Amino acid sequence: MKSAVFLCAALFASHAMAGELVSHNGDDTIRLVDDECSSQPVLDQLEPEIRPQFRAASVFLQGQAFAACWRATPTGALLIYEDGDQGMVPFEVLKPLTSV
């Protein structure tokens, strides 16, 4: 289950989103982007009135790439994947993406 991959303690609800956030756990990666969610399979799972709350995400887990969308909660980012699976990523495991 995707949701079990990045479980940790919760972070401060005031964490600021700036650009992209990324979390690595071995070869697994979650990237949250502050762009509107554009994954139609995810959007089709959401009620129309809450769709604007979701942002774009990409996930690479166990050698597979997944498109997802996310929204902030008091304890982290709620991810919804194209296949209907859901997961929670605590903000404390996410770091700003830095360019090299």
Protein backbone atom coordinates (compact mmCIF):
# COMPACT_ATOMS: atom_id res chain seq x y z
CA MET A 1 0.00 0.00 0.00
CA LYS A 2 1.41 3.36 -1.04
CA SER A 3 0.26 5.11 2.12
CA ALA A 4 2.59 3.07 4.33
CA VAL A 5 5.77 4.13 2.54
CA PHE A 6 6.27 7.58 4.06
CA LEU A 7 4.61 7.43 7.50
CA CYS A 8 6.32 9.60 10.13
CA ALA A 9 5.34 12.06 12.86
CA ALA A 10 3.30 15.15 11.92
CA LEU A 11 4.81 18.55 11.18
CA PHE A 12 3.63 22.03 12.00
CA ALA A 13 0.47 22.94 10.10
CA SER A 14 2.08 26.26 9.16
CA HIS A 15 4.63 24.70 6.78
CA ALA A 16 5.00 27.00 3.77
CA MET A 17 4.72 25.61 0.26
CA ALA A 18 7.17 27.23 -2.11
CA GLY A 19 7.59 25.78 -5.58
CA GLU A 20 8.20 22.05 -5.24
CA LEU A 21 8.65 19.79 -2.25
CA VAL A 22 10.25 16.37 -2.45
CA SER A 23 10.66 13.36 -0.18
CA HIS A 24 13.06 10.48 -0.75
CA ASN A 25 12.99 7.10 0.90
CA GLY A 26 15.63 4.96 -0.78
CA ASP A 27 14.70 4.90 -4.47
CA ASP A 28 11.13 6.00 -3.76
CA THR A 29 10.30 9.67 -4.38
CA ILE A 30 7.28 11.87 -3.84
CA ARG A 31 7.25 15.29 -5.49
CA LEU A 32 4.57 17.85 -4.69
CA VAL A 33 4.13 20.79 -7.04
CA ASP A 34 2.18 23.98 -6.42
CA ASP A 35 0.43 23.66 -9.79
CA GLU A 36 -3.21 22.86 -10.36
CA CYS A 37 -3.98 19.14 -10.45
CA SER A 38 -4.33 18.08 -14.08
CA SER A 39 -4.65 14.29 -13.74
CA GLN A 40 -8.08 13.55 -15.15
CA PRO A 41 -8.32 10.09 -13.52
CA VAL A 42 -7.76 11.72 -10.10
CA LEU A 43 -10.06 14.65 -10.83
CA ASP A 44 -12.79 12.19 -11.83
CA GLN A 45 -12.64 10.77 -8.27
CA LEU A 46 -13.21 14.18 -6.68
CA GLU A 47 -16.34 16.19 -6.21
CA PRO A 48 -16.26 19.21 -8.57
CA GLU A 49 -16.34 21.73 -5.72
CA ILE A 50 -13.13 20.40 -4.11
CA ARG A 51 -11.09 19.92 -7.29
CA PRO A 52 -9.51 23.41 -7.09
CA GLN A 53 -8.02 22.49 -3.68
CA PHE A 54 -5.83 19.77 -5.21
CA ARG A 55 -2.35 20.35 -6.58
CA ALA A 56 -0.15 18.21 -8.87
CA ALA A 57 2.10 15.42 -7.59
CA SER A 58 4.29 12.71 -9.04
CA VAL A 59 5.37 9.58 -7.22
CA PHE A 60 7.98 6.93 -7.98
CA LEU A 61 7.41 3.87 -5.76
CA GLN A 62 8.92 0.42 -6.01
CA GLY A 63 10.06 1.05 -9.57
CA GLN A 64 6.73 2.40 -10.80
CA ALA A 65 5.70 5.96 -11.65
CA PHE A 66 2.32 7.23 -10.50
CA ALA A 67 0.50 10.48 -11.19
CA ALA A 68 -1.28 11.88 -8.17
CA CYS A 69 -2.85 15.01 -6.76
CA TRP A 70 -2.51 16.36 -3.25
CA ARG A 71 -3.93 18.88 -0.83
CA ALA A 72 -2.66 20.14 2.49
CA THR A 73 -4.15 18.91 5.75
CA PRO A 74 -3.17 20.01 9.26
CA THR A 75 -0.68 17.12 9.52
CA GLY A 76 0.61 16.69 5.97
CA ALA A 77 -0.26 16.19 2.35
CA LEU A 78 -3.15 13.92 1.40
CA LEU A 79 -2.31 12.20 -1.89
CA ILE A 80 -4.85 10.65 -4.21
CA TYR A 81 -3.48 8.43 -6.96
CA GLU A 82 -4.92 7.70 -10.40
CA ASP A 83 -5.70 4.13 -9.37
CA GLY A 84 -7.84 5.32 -6.44
CA ASP A 85 -5.30 4.59 -3.71
CA GLN A 86 -4.68 7.32 -1.13
CA GLY A 87 -1.83 8.16 1.19
CA MET A 88 -0.65 10.75 3.68
CA VAL A 89 2.82 12.31 3.66
CA PRO A 90 3.80 14.29 6.76
CA PHE A 91 5.23 17.69 5.88
CA GLU A 92 8.31 17.01 8.00
CA VAL A 93 9.60 14.46 5.47
CA LEU A 94 9.25 16.92 2.57
CA LYS A 95 12.08 19.25 1.64
CA PRO A 96 12.21 22.10 -0.87
CA LEU A 97 13.53 20.94 -4.22
CA THR A 98 16.89 22.56 -4.82
CA SER A 99 18.46 23.15 -8.21
CA VAL A 100 22.06 22.20 -8.82
